């Protein structure tokens, strides 16, 4: 199984889908959260989310419209459109492969907890790291951790998954108690090698995470050895740290 982060960018265009859409597993909890945020003014949303006035107005309107019949609704795997989802390229998969993705890919979410690609959701913005304690009395990490860890643990057992490939950011993967999952959690890092020194690649890492998720899903990866063959725009396998179960891919 694979976990990834959501994105702030959304694709709200009309699309026709030839698969059976599903409902989020934690819909009651997400509706509870949205009701709390609906009580906030535009100014309060701006302060809470640390965003511009225009984005605050947009998100105020989106939360006011949640659960209304007229609101836009799309499958999670298709509404998110940030770099990770560009790398994933979910629209390029066949219907048969989409069923496999529905079973094996999970998207962590501040509002919906954890989503399958076919789960129908509405436009929103609520990052997992949002300081929502003043509204809930607890953080989103505390609100979601036990629920999401138990659900993912159950799904890992149902799928007989030996590995969980963690391609989510630290902000999102931190919501899970990874040590409680009865499988080996594999993480990934992507670096640039210059003058003998490794450095980060900035926002490009999001695209690499999506590309790695696509590689795993397309090739039905079920062994660590097969991951070493990943190659994207010069990023190639460098080493695997057994102590941290971390793969490092580098480019020059």
C-alpha atoms as a PDB file:
ATOM      1  CA  UNK A   1       0.000   0.000   0.000  1.00  0.00           C
ATOM      2  CA  UNK A   2       1.004   3.605  -0.596  1.00  0.00           C
ATOM      3  CA  UNK A   3       0.238   6.856   1.239  1.00  0.00           C
ATOM      4  CA  UNK A   4       0.555  10.320  -0.320  1.00  0.00           C
ATOM      5  CA  UNK A   5      -0.342  13.876   0.662  1.00  0.00           C
ATOM      6  CA  UNK A   6      -3.197  15.883  -0.861  1.00  0.00           C
ATOM      7  CA  UNK A   7      -2.600  19.135  -2.750  1.00  0.00           C
ATOM      8  CA  UNK A   8      -3.784  22.722  -2.440  1.00  0.00           C
ATOM      9  CA  UNK A   9      -4.363  22.940  -6.203  1.00  0.00           C
ATOM     10  CA  UNK A  10      -7.670  21.490  -7.387  1.00  0.00           C
ATOM     11  CA  UNK A  11      -9.079  20.447 -10.757  1.00  0.00           C
ATOM     12  CA  UNK A  12     -12.737  21.486 -10.734  1.00  0.00           C
ATOM     13  CA  UNK A  13     -13.478  20.839 -14.420  1.00  0.00           C
ATOM     14  CA  UNK A  14     -16.350  18.545 -15.393  1.00  0.00           C
ATOM     15  CA  UNK A  15     -15.262  14.980 -16.114  1.00  0.00           C
ATOM     16  CA  UNK A  16     -17.027  11.711 -16.852  1.00  0.00           C
ATOM     17  CA  UNK A  17     -15.863   8.668 -14.876  1.00  0.00           C
ATOM     18  CA  UNK A  18     -16.443   5.053 -15.867  1.00  0.00           C
ATOM     19  CA  UNK A  19     -15.996   3.556 -12.434  1.00  0.00           C
ATOM     20  CA  UNK A  20     -18.157   3.182  -9.342  1.00  0.00           C
ATOM     21  CA  UNK A  21     -17.514   6.110  -7.045  1.00  0.00           C
ATOM     22  CA  UNK A  22     -17.236   5.644  -3.268  1.00  0.00           C
ATOM     23  CA  UNK A  23     -17.884   7.659  -0.105  1.00  0.00           C
ATOM     24  CA  UNK A  24     -15.101   8.732   2.268  1.00  0.00           C
ATOM     25  CA  UNK A  25     -14.644   6.370   5.209  1.00  0.00           C
ATOM     26  CA  UNK A  26     -14.715   9.230   7.735  1.00  0.00           C
ATOM     27  CA  UNK A  27     -17.522  11.349   6.297  1.00  0.00           C
ATOM     28  CA  UNK A  28     -19.165  11.982   9.686  1.00  0.00           C
ATOM     29  CA  UNK A  29     -15.889  13.291  11.121  1.00  0.00           C
ATOM     30  CA  UNK A  30     -15.242  15.509   8.095  1.00  0.00           C
ATOM     31  CA  UNK A  31     -18.736  16.996   8.315  1.00  0.00           C
ATOM     32  CA  UNK A  32     -18.128  17.704  11.999  1.00  0.00           C
ATOM     33  CA  UNK A  33     -14.880  19.521  11.137  1.00  0.00           C
ATOM     34  CA  UNK A  34     -16.478  21.502   8.326  1.00  0.00           C
ATOM     35  CA  UNK A  35     -19.290  22.628  10.660  1.00  0.00           C
ATOM     36  CA  UNK A  36     -16.729  24.025  13.075  1.00  0.00           C
ATOM     37  CA  UNK A  37     -14.921  25.918  10.320  1.00  0.00           C
ATOM     38  CA  UNK A  38     -18.224  27.202   8.879  1.00  0.00           C
ATOM     39  CA  UNK A  39     -18.596  29.228  12.088  1.00  0.00           C
ATOM     40  CA  UNK A  40     -15.444  31.227  11.254  1.00  0.00           C
ATOM     41  CA  UNK A  41     -15.391  34.576   9.469  1.00  0.00           C
ATOM     42  CA  UNK A  42     -13.182  35.270   6.460  1.00  0.00           C
ATOM     43  CA  UNK A  43     -10.812  37.169   8.740  1.00  0.00           C
ATOM     44  CA  UNK A  44     -10.612  34.228  11.154  1.00  0.00           C
ATOM     45  CA  UNK A  45      -9.944  31.779   8.313  1.00  0.00           C
ATOM     46  CA  UNK A  46      -7.174  34.045   7.005  1.00  0.00           C
ATOM     47  CA  UNK A  47      -5.545  34.095  10.435  1.00  0.00           C
ATOM     48  CA  UNK A  48      -6.040  30.369  11.062  1.00  0.00           C
ATOM     49  CA  UNK A  49      -4.687  29.184   7.714  1.00  0.00           C
ATOM     50  CA  UNK A  50      -2.072  31.939   7.237  1.00  0.00           C
ATOM     51  CA  UNK A  51      -3.336  32.720   3.735  1.00  0.00           C
ATOM     52  CA  UNK A  52      -4.098  35.825   1.658  1.00  0.00           C
ATOM     53  CA  UNK A  53      -7.354  37.777   1.791  1.00  0.00           C
ATOM     54  CA  UNK A  54      -8.485  36.381  -1.576  1.00  0.00           C
ATOM     55  CA  UNK A  55      -7.731  32.773  -0.566  1.00  0.00           C
ATOM     56  CA  UNK A  56      -9.495  33.338   2.754  1.00  0.00           C
ATOM     57  CA  UNK A  57     -12.623  34.536   0.913  1.00  0.00           C
ATOM     58  CA  UNK A  58     -12.457  31.535  -1.432  1.00  0.00           C
ATOM     59  CA  UNK A  59     -12.116  29.072   1.428  1.00  0.00           C
ATOM     60  CA  UNK A  60     -14.845  30.781   3.439  1.00  0.00           C
ATOM     61  CA  UNK A  61     -17.190  30.308   0.454  1.00  0.00           C
ATOM     62  CA  UNK A  62     -16.082  26.705  -0.054  1.00  0.00           C
ATOM     63  CA  UNK A  63     -16.737  25.729   3.552  1.00  0.00           C
ATOM     64  CA  UNK A  64     -20.102  27.488   3.511  1.00  0.00           C
ATOM     65  CA  UNK A  65     -21.026  25.421   0.460  1.00  0.00           C
ATOM     66  CA  UNK A  66     -19.920  22.031   1.790  1.00  0.00           C
ATOM     67  CA  UNK A  67     -22.681  19.413   1.792  1.00  0.00           C
ATOM     68  CA  UNK A  68     -24.950  21.505  -0.433  1.00  0.00           C
ATOM     69  CA  UNK A  69     -26.540  19.839  -3.473  1.00  0.00           C
ATOM     70  CA  UNK A  70     -25.153  22.464  -5.853  1.00  0.00           C
ATOM     71  CA  UNK A  71     -21.529  22.102  -4.733  1.00  0.00           C
ATOM     72  CA  UNK A  72     -18.878  20.569  -6.993  1.00  0.00           C
ATOM     73  CA  UNK A  73     -18.081  16.951  -6.128  1.00  0.00           C
ATOM     74  CA  UNK A  74     -15.318  14.810  -7.660  1.00  0.00           C
ATOM     75  CA  UNK A  75     -13.293  11.676  -6.845  1.00  0.00           C
ATOM     76  CA  UNK A  76     -10.306  12.529  -4.639  1.00  0.00           C
ATOM     77  CA  UNK A  77      -7.727  11.079  -7.024  1.00  0.00           C
ATOM     78  CA  UNK A  78      -8.973  13.410  -9.765  1.00  0.00           C
ATOM     79  CA  UNK A  79      -9.791  16.630  -7.895  1.00  0.00           C
ATOM     80  CA  UNK A  80      -6.285  17.112  -6.458  1.00  0.00           C
ATOM     81  CA  UNK A  81      -3.959  18.522  -9.106  1.00  0.00           C
ATOM     82  CA  UNK A  82      -0.672  19.492  -7.445  1.00  0.00           C
ATOM     83  CA  UNK A  83       2.785  18.238  -8.416  1.00  0.00           C
ATOM     84  CA  UNK A  84       2.390  14.855  -6.701  1.00  0.00           C
ATOM     85  CA  UNK A  85      -0.774  14.197  -8.690  1.00  0.00           C
ATOM     86  CA  UNK A  86       0.845  15.361 -11.920  1.00  0.00           C
ATOM     87  CA  UNK A  87       3.536  12.784 -11.254  1.00  0.00           C
ATOM     88  CA  UNK A  88       0.962  10.119 -10.419  1.00  0.00           C
ATOM     89  CA  UNK A  89      -0.888  10.804 -13.707  1.00  0.00           C
ATOM     90  CA  UNK A  90      -3.961   8.864 -12.596  1.00  0.00           C
ATOM     91  CA  UNK A  91      -5.870   9.617 -15.809  1.00  0.00           C
ATOM     92  CA  UNK A  92      -3.300   7.604 -17.789  1.00  0.00           C
ATOM     93  CA  UNK A  93      -4.228   4.329 -16.059  1.00  0.00           C
ATOM     94  CA  UNK A  94      -6.572   1.731 -17.529  1.00  0.00           C
ATOM     95  CA  UNK A  95      -9.834   0.939 -15.716  1.00  0.00           C
ATOM     96  CA  UNK A  96      -8.375  -2.386 -14.592  1.00  0.00           C
ATOM     97  CA  UNK A  97      -5.363  -0.650 -13.105  1.00  0.00           C
ATOM     98  CA  UNK A  98      -7.602   1.995 -11.514  1.00  0.00           C
ATOM     99  CA  UNK A  99      -9.254  -0.771  -9.462  1.00  0.00           C
ATOM    100  CA  UNK A 100      -5.794  -1.760  -8.234  1.00  0.00           C
ATOM    101  CA  UNK A 101      -5.049   1.871  -7.335  1.00  0.00           C
ATOM    102  CA  UNK A 102      -8.353   2.165  -5.452  1.00  0.00           C
ATOM    103  CA  UNK A 103      -7.307  -0.800  -3.343  1.00  0.00           C
ATOM    104  CA  UNK A 104      -3.703   0.208  -2.705  1.00  0.00           C
ATOM    105  CA  UNK A 105      -3.392   4.017  -2.715  1.00  0.00           C
ATOM    106  CA  UNK A 106      -4.462   6.253   0.170  1.00  0.00           C
ATOM    107  CA  UNK A 107      -4.484  10.055   0.299  1.00  0.00           C
ATOM    108  CA  UNK A 108      -4.123  11.618   3.754  1.00  0.00           C
ATOM    109  CA  UNK A 109      -6.316  14.674   4.350  1.00  0.00           C
ATOM    110  CA  UNK A 110      -6.806  17.274   7.066  1.00  0.00           C
ATOM    111  CA  UNK A 111     -10.566  17.415   6.426  1.00  0.00           C
ATOM    112  CA  UNK A 112     -11.378  13.856   5.290  1.00  0.00           C
ATOM    113  CA  UNK A 113      -8.762  11.913   7.243  1.00  0.00           C
ATOM    114  CA  UNK A 114      -7.845   9.289   4.668  1.00  0.00           C
ATOM    115  CA  UNK A 115      -9.215   8.941   1.157  1.00  0.00           C
ATOM    116  CA  UNK A 116      -9.375   6.304  -1.548  1.00  0.00           C
ATOM    117  CA  UNK A 117      -8.956   7.620  -5.112  1.00  0.00           C
ATOM    118  CA  UNK A 118     -12.648   7.042  -5.980  1.00  0.00           C
ATOM    119  CA  UNK A 119     -14.010   8.728  -2.826  1.00  0.00           C
ATOM    120  CA  UNK A 120     -16.230  11.696  -3.719  1.00  0.00           C
ATOM    121  CA  UNK A 121     -15.151  14.922  -2.002  1.00  0.00           C
ATOM    122  CA  UNK A 122     -15.811  18.654  -2.265  1.00  0.00           C
ATOM    123  CA  UNK A 123     -13.344  21.533  -2.796  1.00  0.00           C
ATOM    124  CA  UNK A 124     -11.624  22.500   0.445  1.00  0.00           C
ATOM    125  CA  UNK A 125      -8.386  23.606   2.011  1.00  0.00           C
ATOM    126  CA  UNK A 126      -7.384  22.370   5.458  1.00  0.00           C
ATOM    127  CA  UNK A 127      -3.785  21.356   5.889  1.00  0.00           C
ATOM    128  CA  UNK A 128      -2.963  18.757   8.518  1.00  0.00           C
ATOM    129  CA  UNK A 129      -0.623  21.196  10.272  1.00  0.00           C
ATOM    130  CA  UNK A 130      -3.287  23.906  10.642  1.00  0.00           C
ATOM    131  CA  UNK A 131      -3.343  25.143  14.252  1.00  0.00           C
ATOM    132  CA  UNK A 132      -6.982  24.279  14.854  1.00  0.00           C
ATOM    133  CA  UNK A 133      -6.618  23.651  18.597  1.00  0.00           C
ATOM    134  CA  UNK A 134      -8.436  26.880  19.448  1.00  0.00           C
ATOM    135  CA  UNK A 135     -11.531  25.554  17.675  1.00  0.00           C
ATOM    136  CA  UNK A 136     -11.420  21.833  18.475  1.00  0.00           C
ATOM    137  CA  UNK A 137      -9.500  21.843  21.737  1.00  0.00           C
ATOM    138  CA  UNK A 138      -7.093  19.367  20.132  1.00  0.00           C
ATOM    139  CA  UNK A 139      -4.901  19.339  17.028  1.00  0.00           C
ATOM    140  CA  UNK A 140      -5.853  17.620  13.783  1.00  0.00           C
ATOM    141  CA  UNK A 141      -3.106  15.100  14.537  1.00  0.00           C
ATOM    142  CA  UNK A 142      -4.815  14.192  17.801  1.00  0.00           C
ATOM    143  CA  UNK A 143      -8.238  14.221  16.158  1.00  0.00           C
ATOM    144  CA  UNK A 144      -7.203  11.793  13.414  1.00  0.00           C
ATOM    145  CA  UNK A 145      -4.263   9.688  14.642  1.00  0.00           C
ATOM    146  CA  UNK A 146      -6.038   6.786  16.328  1.00  0.00           C
ATOM    147  CA  UNK A 147      -8.805   6.579  13.708  1.00  0.00           C
ATOM    148  CA  UNK A 148      -6.478   6.645  10.702  1.00  0.00           C
ATOM    149  CA  UNK A 149      -3.876   4.314  12.187  1.00  0.00           C
ATOM    150  CA  UNK A 150      -6.510   1.692  12.985  1.00  0.00           C
ATOM    151  CA  UNK A 151      -8.131   1.951   9.544  1.00  0.00           C
ATOM    152  CA  UNK A 152      -4.839   1.730   7.679  1.00  0.00           C
ATOM    153  CA  UNK A 153      -3.693  -1.175   9.846  1.00  0.00           C
ATOM    154  CA  UNK A 154      -6.919  -3.042   9.029  1.00  0.00           C
ATOM    155  CA  UNK A 155      -6.565  -2.345   5.301  1.00  0.00           C
ATOM    156  CA  UNK A 156      -2.940  -3.493   5.297  1.00  0.00           C
ATOM    157  CA  UNK A 157      -4.083  -6.786   6.835  1.00  0.00           C
ATOM    158  CA  UNK A 158      -6.949  -7.152   4.355  1.00  0.00           C
ATOM    159  CA  UNK A 159      -4.570  -6.599   1.425  1.00  0.00           C
ATOM    160  CA  UNK A 160      -1.900  -8.884   2.916  1.00  0.00           C
ATOM    161  CA  UNK A 161       0.548  -6.032   2.347  1.00  0.00           C
ATOM    162  CA  UNK A 162       4.095  -6.642   3.485  1.00  0.00           C
ATOM    163  CA  UNK A 163       5.063  -2.994   2.924  1.00  0.00           C
ATOM    164  CA  UNK A 164       3.634   0.490   3.343  1.00  0.00           C
ATOM    165  CA  UNK A 165       5.366   2.838   0.913  1.00  0.00           C
ATOM    166  CA  UNK A 166       5.369   6.251   2.584  1.00  0.00           C
ATOM    167  CA  UNK A 167       5.360   8.933  -0.114  1.00  0.00           C
ATOM    168  CA  UNK A 168       3.559  11.519   2.017  1.00  0.00           C
ATOM    169  CA  UNK A 169       5.235  14.607   3.420  1.00  0.00           C
ATOM    170  CA  UNK A 170       6.308  14.742   7.058  1.00  0.00           C
ATOM    171  CA  UNK A 171       3.360  17.044   7.791  1.00  0.00           C
ATOM    172  CA  UNK A 172       0.904  14.355   6.720  1.00  0.00           C
ATOM    173  CA  UNK A 173       2.635  11.076   7.557  1.00  0.00           C
ATOM    174  CA  UNK A 174       3.072  12.345  11.139  1.00  0.00           C
ATOM    175  CA  UNK A 175      -0.673  11.908  11.663  1.00  0.00           C
ATOM    176  CA  UNK A 176      -0.147   8.122  11.671  1.00  0.00           C
ATOM    177  CA  UNK A 177       1.407   5.972  14.368  1.00  0.00           C
ATOM    178  CA  UNK A 178       3.619   4.171  11.862  1.00  0.00           C
ATOM    179  CA  UNK A 179       5.114   1.935  14.551  1.00  0.00           C
ATOM    180  CA  UNK A 180       1.678   0.438  15.212  1.00  0.00           C
ATOM    181  CA  UNK A 181       1.256  -0.792  11.639  1.00  0.00           C
ATOM    182  CA  UNK A 182       2.040  -4.472  11.287  1.00  0.00           C
ATOM    183  CA  UNK A 183       4.169  -4.094   8.181  1.00  0.00           C
ATOM    184  CA  UNK A 184       7.490  -2.629   7.108  1.00  0.00           C
ATOM    185  CA  UNK A 185       7.191   1.120   6.435  1.00  0.00           C
ATOM    186  CA  UNK A 186       9.437   2.198   3.558  1.00  0.00           C
ATOM    187  CA  UNK A 187      10.321   5.871   3.084  1.00  0.00           C
ATOM    188  CA  UNK A 188      11.981   7.692   0.195  1.00  0.00           C
ATOM    189  CA  UNK A 189      14.298  10.637  -0.283  1.00  0.00           C
ATOM    190  CA  UNK A 190      15.453  12.386  -3.432  1.00  0.00           C
ATOM    191  CA  UNK A 191      18.641  14.472  -3.479  1.00  0.00           C
ATOM    192  CA  UNK A 192      20.919  16.293  -5.899  1.00  0.00           C
ATOM    193  CA  UNK A 193      24.651  15.520  -5.883  1.00  0.00           C
ATOM    194  CA  UNK A 194      26.876  18.501  -6.640  1.00  0.00           C
ATOM    195  CA  UNK A 195      30.593  18.848  -5.906  1.00  0.00           C
ATOM    196  CA  UNK A 196      30.418  15.706  -3.793  1.00  0.00           C
ATOM    197  CA  UNK A 197      27.658  17.086  -1.575  1.00  0.00           C
ATOM    198  CA  UNK A 198      23.979  16.107  -1.384  1.00  0.00           C
ATOM    199  CA  UNK A 199      21.323  18.813  -1.310  1.00  0.00           C
ATOM    200  CA  UNK A 200      17.547  18.974  -1.362  1.00  0.00           C
ATOM    201  CA  UNK A 201      15.574  19.471  -4.561  1.00  0.00           C
ATOM    202  CA  UNK A 202      12.917  21.840  -3.211  1.00  0.00           C
ATOM    203  CA  UNK A 203       9.369  21.553  -4.481  1.00  0.00           C
ATOM    204  CA  UNK A 204      10.425  19.063  -7.166  1.00  0.00           C
ATOM    205  CA  UNK A 205      10.301  16.372  -4.488  1.00  0.00           C
ATOM    206  CA  UNK A 206       6.496  16.430  -4.736  1.00  0.00           C
ATOM    207  CA  UNK A 207       6.650  15.443  -8.414  1.00  0.00           C
ATOM    208  CA  UNK A 208       9.154  12.675  -7.599  1.00  0.00           C
ATOM    209  CA  UNK A 209       6.850  11.262  -4.929  1.00  0.00           C
ATOM    210  CA  UNK A 210       4.045  11.085  -7.471  1.00  0.00           C
ATOM    211  CA  UNK A 211       6.311   9.489 -10.073  1.00  0.00           C
ATOM    212  CA  UNK A 212       7.443   6.884  -7.542  1.00  0.00           C
ATOM    213  CA  UNK A 213       3.830   6.114  -6.604  1.00  0.00           C
ATOM    214  CA  UNK A 214       3.018   5.672 -10.307  1.00  0.00           C
ATOM    215  CA  UNK A 215       6.048   3.396 -10.775  1.00  0.00           C
ATOM    216  CA  UNK A 216       5.015   1.206  -7.825  1.00  0.00           C
ATOM    217  CA  UNK A 217       1.397   0.967  -8.983  1.00  0.00           C
ATOM    218  CA  UNK A 218       2.147   0.380 -12.668  1.00  0.00           C
ATOM    219  CA  UNK A 219       4.640  -2.362 -11.909  1.00  0.00           C
ATOM    220  CA  UNK A 220       2.808  -4.029  -8.998  1.00  0.00           C
ATOM    221  CA  UNK A 221       5.932  -3.608  -6.881  1.00  0.00           C
ATOM    222  CA  UNK A 222       5.980  -6.144  -4.036  1.00  0.00           C
ATOM    223  CA  UNK A 223       9.709  -6.367  -3.311  1.00  0.00           C
ATOM    224  CA  UNK A 224      12.299  -3.794  -2.303  1.00  0.00           C
ATOM    225  CA  UNK A 225      14.759  -4.979  -4.938  1.00  0.00           C
ATOM    226  CA  UNK A 226      12.445  -3.895  -7.760  1.00  0.00           C
ATOM    227  CA  UNK A 227      12.357  -0.327  -6.402  1.00  0.00           C
ATOM    228  CA  UNK A 228      16.040   0.066  -7.290  1.00  0.00           C
ATOM    229  CA  UNK A 229      15.132   0.155 -11.002  1.00  0.00           C
ATOM    230  CA  UNK A 230      13.234   3.434 -10.655  1.00  0.00           C
ATOM    231  CA  UNK A 231      14.652   6.068 -12.988  1.00  0.00           C
ATOM    232  CA  UNK A 232      13.089   9.460 -13.638  1.00  0.00           C
ATOM    233  CA  UNK A 233      14.821  12.477 -15.174  1.00  0.00           C
ATOM    234  CA  UNK A 234      18.236  11.339 -14.014  1.00  0.00           C
ATOM    235  CA  UNK A 235      17.189  10.273 -10.516  1.00  0.00           C
ATOM    236  CA  UNK A 236      18.575   6.800  -9.899  1.00  0.00           C
ATOM    237  CA  UNK A 237      18.974   4.496  -6.911  1.00  0.00           C
ATOM    238  CA  UNK A 238      21.857   5.390  -4.601  1.00  0.00           C
ATOM    239  CA  UNK A 239      21.407   3.381  -1.391  1.00  0.00           C
ATOM    240  CA  UNK A 240      18.960   1.748   0.977  1.00  0.00           C
ATOM    241  CA  UNK A 241      19.406   2.387   4.697  1.00  0.00           C
ATOM    242  CA  UNK A 242      18.234  -0.759   6.482  1.00  0.00           C
ATOM    243  CA  UNK A 243      18.189   0.939   9.885  1.00  0.00           C
ATOM    244  CA  UNK A 244      15.581   3.494   8.754  1.00  0.00           C
ATOM    245  CA  UNK A 245      14.078   1.552   5.827  1.00  0.00           C
ATOM    246  CA  UNK A 246      14.829   4.585   3.649  1.00  0.00           C
ATOM    247  CA  UNK A 247      15.575   4.613  -0.078  1.00  0.00           C
ATOM    248  CA  UNK A 248      17.801   7.375  -1.439  1.00  0.00           C
ATOM    249  CA  UNK A 249      17.665   8.357  -5.116  1.00  0.00           C
ATOM    250  CA  UNK A 250      20.050  10.981  -6.468  1.00  0.00           C
ATOM    251  CA  UNK A 251      20.713  12.998  -9.601  1.00  0.00           C
ATOM    252  CA  UNK A 252      23.759  14.972 -10.670  1.00  0.00           C
END
